[in-house]
Amino acid sequence: MKILYFTATGNSLYVAKRLGGELLSLPQLVRKQQYEINGDAVGIVCPIYCGELPKFVTQFLKKATIKTDYFFFVFTYGMHATNARAHATVLSKQAGRAIDYSAEIKMVDNWLPGFDAREQIDTAPQKRIEQQIDAVCADITARKKNAVKISPLKKVGMTAVHNTMAKSILRGDAAQGYTVTDACIGCGVCQRVCPVNNIKVTQRPVFAYHCEVCLACVHNCPQNAIHINGEKSGARFRNEHISLQEIIDANHA
């Protein structure tokens, strides 16, 4: 089994590790231009952004050729899953491989303008994360199938969410609104955790115009020096089971 994953703060990487099999970082696959994936079972584990797949995962799917007897998606999210399963279903169909199974796992939300990260961490036990993961692992082991049906009304809803949320939030120039405080020591961690090479550090980080809005740079800064407009607090999050080095290894060019 091959598990392709995209992670910024470790939630999706932790789930991928729990699922087992051979782990393949999507950013590293893209850098190697490796779009043909073969295996007895192939899964993609990624977060939900604005009710749909991250831009990076969408772009990968449009180029990928996936050959497998069992293809699945597992999404991590914090508040609302919205249309992610339907979005993945449409994209996968366009890519020529239907999804056999998909699931959503509610975890800590890292969207700082919407949630206080400390409050999210403190209330994580109430989400019964391990039990959710156990259930998904059992489904995949049993090769469960649960195809998503997309009605005309669902399509309207997907378009509405995309036009009102994704287009306004997941912008390539989003990082131009980030601020860097004097706490920055120019360590370069932000550059190394960015999955799309949107950051260059000399003395301080300089942001380009193809941001993924994953907030990896914000949450993983050792000095808590990078801030996003409207954040609820200065608290930051990285999944307790995942190290900073693992995120660097997954995302660094």
Protein backbone atom coordinates (compact mmCIF):
# COMPACT_ATOMS: atom_id res chain seq x y z
CA MET A 1 0.00 0.00 0.00
CA LYS A 2 1.23 3.47 -0.91
CA ILE A 3 0.14 6.55 1.02
CA LEU A 4 0.64 9.94 -0.63
CA TYR A 5 0.45 12.79 1.85
CA PHE A 6 0.53 16.56 2.09
CA THR A 7 1.16 18.12 5.50
CA ALA A 8 1.86 21.53 7.02
CA THR A 9 1.47 21.04 10.75
CA GLY A 10 1.65 17.26 10.97
CA ASN A 11 -1.98 16.11 11.24
CA SER A 12 -2.08 14.45 7.82
CA LEU A 13 1.40 12.98 8.20
CA TYR A 14 0.41 11.44 11.52
CA VAL A 15 -2.69 9.87 9.97
CA ALA A 16 -0.59 8.62 7.03
CA LYS A 17 1.85 6.98 9.43
CA ARG A 18 -0.99 5.34 11.33
CA LEU A 19 -2.40 3.91 8.09
CA GLY A 20 0.91 2.24 7.37
CA GLY A 21 2.40 1.24 4.04
CA GLU A 22 4.94 3.19 2.01
CA LEU A 23 4.73 6.92 2.70
CA LEU A 24 5.31 9.30 -0.21
CA SER A 25 5.40 13.07 0.21
CA LEU A 26 3.36 14.82 -2.48
CA PRO A 27 5.70 17.86 -2.62
CA GLN A 28 8.65 15.53 -3.16
CA LEU A 29 6.78 13.58 -5.85
CA VAL A 30 6.02 16.82 -7.69
CA ARG A 31 9.65 17.95 -7.50
CA LYS A 32 10.72 14.63 -9.02
CA GLN A 33 7.95 14.94 -11.63
CA GLN A 34 6.73 11.52 -10.50
CA TYR A 35 3.06 11.44 -11.43
CA GLU A 36 2.59 7.74 -12.19
CA ILE A 37 1.69 5.81 -9.05
CA ASN A 38 1.20 2.05 -8.99
CA GLY A 39 0.23 -0.19 -6.08
CA ASP A 40 -2.23 -2.76 -4.81
CA ALA A 41 -3.80 0.08 -2.80
CA VAL A 42 -3.08 3.81 -3.13
CA GLY A 43 -4.34 6.50 -0.78
CA ILE A 44 -4.03 10.26 -0.50
CA VAL A 45 -4.06 11.89 2.94
CA CYS A 46 -4.37 15.66 3.09
CA PRO A 47 -6.06 18.51 4.97
CA ILE A 48 -9.24 20.25 3.91
CA TYR A 49 -8.83 23.90 2.94
CA CYS A 50 -11.96 26.03 2.54
CA GLY A 51 -14.13 22.96 2.11
CA GLU A 52 -12.07 21.38 -0.66
CA LEU A 53 -8.69 19.92 -1.53
CA PRO A 54 -5.57 22.08 -1.14
CA LYS A 55 -4.50 23.68 -4.41
CA PHE A 56 -1.33 21.59 -4.37
CA VAL A 57 -3.23 18.29 -4.21
CA THR A 58 -5.67 19.44 -6.90
CA GLN A 59 -2.78 20.24 -9.24
CA PHE A 60 -1.16 16.86 -8.56
CA LEU A 61 -4.37 14.97 -9.34
CA LYS A 62 -4.74 16.75 -12.66
CA LYS A 63 -1.39 15.34 -13.78
CA ALA A 64 -1.36 11.99 -12.00
CA THR A 65 -1.90 8.50 -13.39
CA ILE A 66 -2.91 6.20 -10.55
CA LYS A 67 -3.05 2.47 -11.22
CA THR A 68 -4.42 0.46 -8.33
CA ASP A 69 -7.15 -1.96 -7.32
CA TYR A 70 -8.16 0.26 -4.41
CA PHE A 71 -7.95 4.07 -4.38
CA PHE A 72 -8.90 6.11 -1.34
CA PHE A 73 -8.78 9.55 0.25
CA VAL A 74 -8.51 10.44 3.93
CA PHE A 75 -9.03 14.07 4.89
CA THR A 76 -8.05 15.85 8.09
CA TYR A 77 -9.99 18.92 9.18
CA GLY A 78 -10.83 20.94 12.25
CA MET A 79 -14.29 22.45 11.91
CA HIS A 80 -16.26 21.71 8.73
CA ALA A 81 -15.49 19.05 6.14
CA THR A 82 -17.95 20.69 3.70
CA ASN A 83 -17.44 19.43 0.12
CA ALA A 84 -13.99 17.84 0.26
CA ARG A 85 -15.11 14.29 -0.51
CA ALA A 86 -17.26 15.49 -3.41
CA HIS A 87 -14.46 17.73 -4.68
CA ALA A 88 -12.03 14.80 -4.66
CA THR A 89 -14.60 12.60 -6.41
CA VAL A 90 -14.98 15.06 -9.29
CA LEU A 91 -11.25 15.61 -9.72
CA SER A 92 -10.42 11.91 -9.56
CA LYS A 93 -13.07 11.09 -12.14
CA GLN A 94 -11.61 13.72 -14.45
CA ALA A 95 -8.20 12.10 -13.92
CA GLY A 96 -9.62 8.74 -14.94
CA ARG A 97 -9.65 6.89 -11.61
CA ALA A 98 -12.74 6.71 -9.42
CA ILE A 99 -12.37 6.83 -5.64
CA ASP A 100 -13.33 3.61 -3.89
CA TYR A 101 -13.37 4.99 -0.35
CA SER A 102 -13.06 8.34 1.39
CA ALA A 103 -13.20 9.47 5.00
CA GLU A 104 -12.77 12.57 7.14
CA ILE A 105 -10.98 12.78 10.50
CA LYS A 106 -11.70 15.73 12.75
CA MET A 107 -8.53 16.99 14.43
CA VAL A 108 -6.99 20.24 15.69
CA ASP A 109 -7.83 23.19 13.42
CA ASN A 110 -4.78 25.26 12.50
CA TRP A 111 -6.59 28.12 10.71
CA LEU A 112 -5.45 30.93 13.01
CA PRO A 113 -7.89 33.65 11.88
CA GLY A 114 -10.76 31.33 12.77
CA PHE A 115 -9.54 29.52 15.89
CA ASP A 116 -7.39 30.00 18.96
CA ALA A 117 -4.75 27.27 18.56
CA ARG A 118 -4.37 26.83 22.32
CA GLU A 119 -8.10 26.26 22.73
CA GLN A 120 -8.03 23.79 19.83
CA ILE A 121 -5.18 21.84 21.44
CA ASP A 122 -6.87 21.80 24.84
CA THR A 123 -10.15 20.49 23.45
CA ALA A 124 -8.59 17.90 21.10
CA PRO A 125 -9.35 14.94 23.43
CA GLN A 126 -13.06 15.62 22.96
CA LYS A 127 -12.70 14.81 19.26
CA ARG A 128 -11.59 11.22 19.99
CA ILE A 129 -8.97 11.45 17.27
CA GLU A 130 -7.37 8.05 17.86
CA GLN A 131 -10.74 6.31 17.70
CA GLN A 132 -11.53 8.04 14.42
CA ILE A 133 -8.22 6.93 12.95
CA ASP A 134 -8.74 3.37 14.19
CA ALA A 135 -12.11 3.23 12.42
CA VAL A 136 -10.64 4.48 9.14
CA CYS A 137 -7.74 2.01 9.38
CA ALA A 138 -10.25 -0.83 9.85
CA ASP A 139 -12.28 0.33 6.85
CA ILE A 140 -9.23 0.43 4.61
CA THR A 141 -7.95 -2.94 5.81
CA ALA A 142 -11.37 -4.37 4.95
CA ARG A 143 -11.28 -2.54 1.58
CA LYS A 144 -14.59 -0.87 2.34
CA LYS A 145 -16.19 1.12 -0.46
CA ASN A 146 -18.40 4.22 -0.10
CA ALA A 147 -18.60 6.12 -3.38
CA VAL A 148 -19.91 9.69 -3.12
CA LYS A 149 -22.95 10.63 -5.17
CA ILE A 150 -23.03 14.21 -6.36
CA SER A 151 -26.44 15.69 -6.99
CA PRO A 152 -27.05 18.87 -9.02
CA LEU A 153 -27.75 20.67 -5.73
CA LYS A 154 -24.39 19.49 -4.35
CA LYS A 155 -22.65 20.86 -7.43
CA VAL A 156 -24.27 24.24 -6.85
CA GLY A 157 -23.12 24.20 -3.25
CA MET A 158 -19.58 23.25 -4.23
CA THR A 159 -19.39 26.12 -6.68
CA ALA A 160 -20.78 28.57 -4.14
CA VAL A 161 -18.25 27.57 -1.46
CA HIS A 162 -15.40 27.75 -3.95
CA ASN A 163 -16.38 31.19 -5.20
CA THR A 164 -17.04 32.68 -1.77
CA MET A 165 -14.28 31.03 0.30
CA ALA A 166 -11.53 29.33 -1.66
CA LYS A 167 -11.05 32.11 -4.19
CA SER A 168 -10.83 34.79 -1.53
CA ILE A 169 -8.66 32.92 1.01
CA LEU A 170 -6.45 30.52 -0.98
CA ARG A 171 -4.76 33.23 -3.01
CA GLY A 172 -1.22 32.97 -4.27
CA ASP A 173 -0.45 36.42 -2.90
CA ALA A 174 -1.83 35.61 0.58
CA ALA A 175 1.61 35.67 2.23
CA GLN A 176 2.05 39.29 1.22
CA GLY A 177 -0.24 40.03 4.16
CA TYR A 178 1.91 38.14 6.68
CA THR A 179 4.08 40.13 9.08
CA VAL A 180 7.48 39.18 10.47
CA THR A 181 8.45 40.59 13.87
CA ASP A 182 11.86 41.46 15.28
CA ALA A 183 11.85 38.04 16.96
CA CYS A 184 12.97 36.59 13.60
CA ILE A 185 16.59 35.34 13.69
CA GLY A 186 16.78 34.36 10.01
CA CYS A 187 17.05 30.63 10.81
CA GLY A 188 15.39 29.59 7.55
CA VAL A 189 12.91 27.10 9.03
CA CYS A 190 10.04 28.85 7.26
CA GLN A 191 11.78 28.36 3.92
CA ARG A 192 12.39 24.67 4.61
CA VAL A 193 8.83 23.83 5.66
CA CYS A 194 7.20 25.63 2.73
CA PRO A 195 5.93 22.98 0.28
CA VAL A 196 5.93 25.28 -2.75
CA ASN A 197 9.20 27.21 -2.42
CA ASN A 198 7.34 30.45 -1.75
CA ILE A 199 9.86 31.72 0.84
CA LYS A 200 13.47 32.81 0.56
CA VAL A 201 15.45 33.81 3.64
CA THR A 202 18.56 35.97 3.71
CA GLN A 203 18.26 37.97 6.88
CA ARG A 204 14.47 37.72 6.98
CA PRO A 205 11.89 35.76 4.99
CA VAL A 206 10.72 37.21 1.69
CA PHE A 207 7.42 35.83 0.41
CA ALA A 208 6.69 35.24 -3.27
CA TYR A 209 3.29 35.04 -4.98
CA HIS A 210 2.43 31.33 -5.09
CA CYS A 211 1.50 30.73 -1.45
CA GLU A 212 -0.39 27.53 -0.62
CA VAL A 213 -1.89 29.19 2.51
CA CYS A 214 -1.04 26.04 4.48
CA LEU A 215 0.44 28.14 7.33
CA ALA A 216 3.41 25.79 7.72
CA CYS A 217 5.71 28.80 7.99
CA VAL A 218 3.55 30.46 10.64
CA HIS A 219 3.03 27.43 12.88
CA ASN A 220 6.54 26.00 12.63
CA CYS A 221 8.57 29.18 13.17
CA PRO A 222 10.74 28.45 16.27
CA GLN A 223 10.59 32.11 17.30
CA ASN A 224 6.87 32.60 16.64
CA ALA A 225 7.92 35.54 14.51
CA ILE A 226 5.51 35.14 11.56
CA HIS A 227 1.95 36.36 11.98
CA ILE A 228 -1.18 36.35 9.85
CA ASN A 229 -3.83 39.05 9.92
CA GLY A 230 -6.76 38.35 12.20
CA GLU A 231 -5.22 35.48 14.17
CA LYS A 232 -7.10 34.75 17.39
CA SER A 233 -3.97 34.39 19.53
CA GLY A 234 -0.23 33.92 19.32
CA ALA A 235 -0.50 30.20 20.08
CA ARG A 236 0.83 27.79 17.46
CA PHE A 237 0.33 24.11 16.66
CA ARG A 238 2.24 21.12 15.40
CA ASN A 239 0.91 17.60 15.85
CA GLU A 240 2.54 16.21 18.98
CA HIS A 241 3.50 12.97 17.23
CA ILE A 242 5.34 14.72 14.39
CA SER A 243 8.71 16.45 14.60
CA LEU A 244 9.74 19.62 12.83
CA GLN A 245 12.39 17.62 10.95
CA GLU A 246 9.69 15.31 9.55
CA ILE A 247 7.83 18.29 8.12
CA ILE A 248 11.04 19.69 6.67
CA ASP A 249 11.86 16.32 5.10
CA ALA A 250 8.36 16.18 3.57
CA ASN A 251 8.33 19.71 2.14
CA HIS A 252 11.86 20.99 1.60
CA ALA A 253 13.31 21.08 -1.91
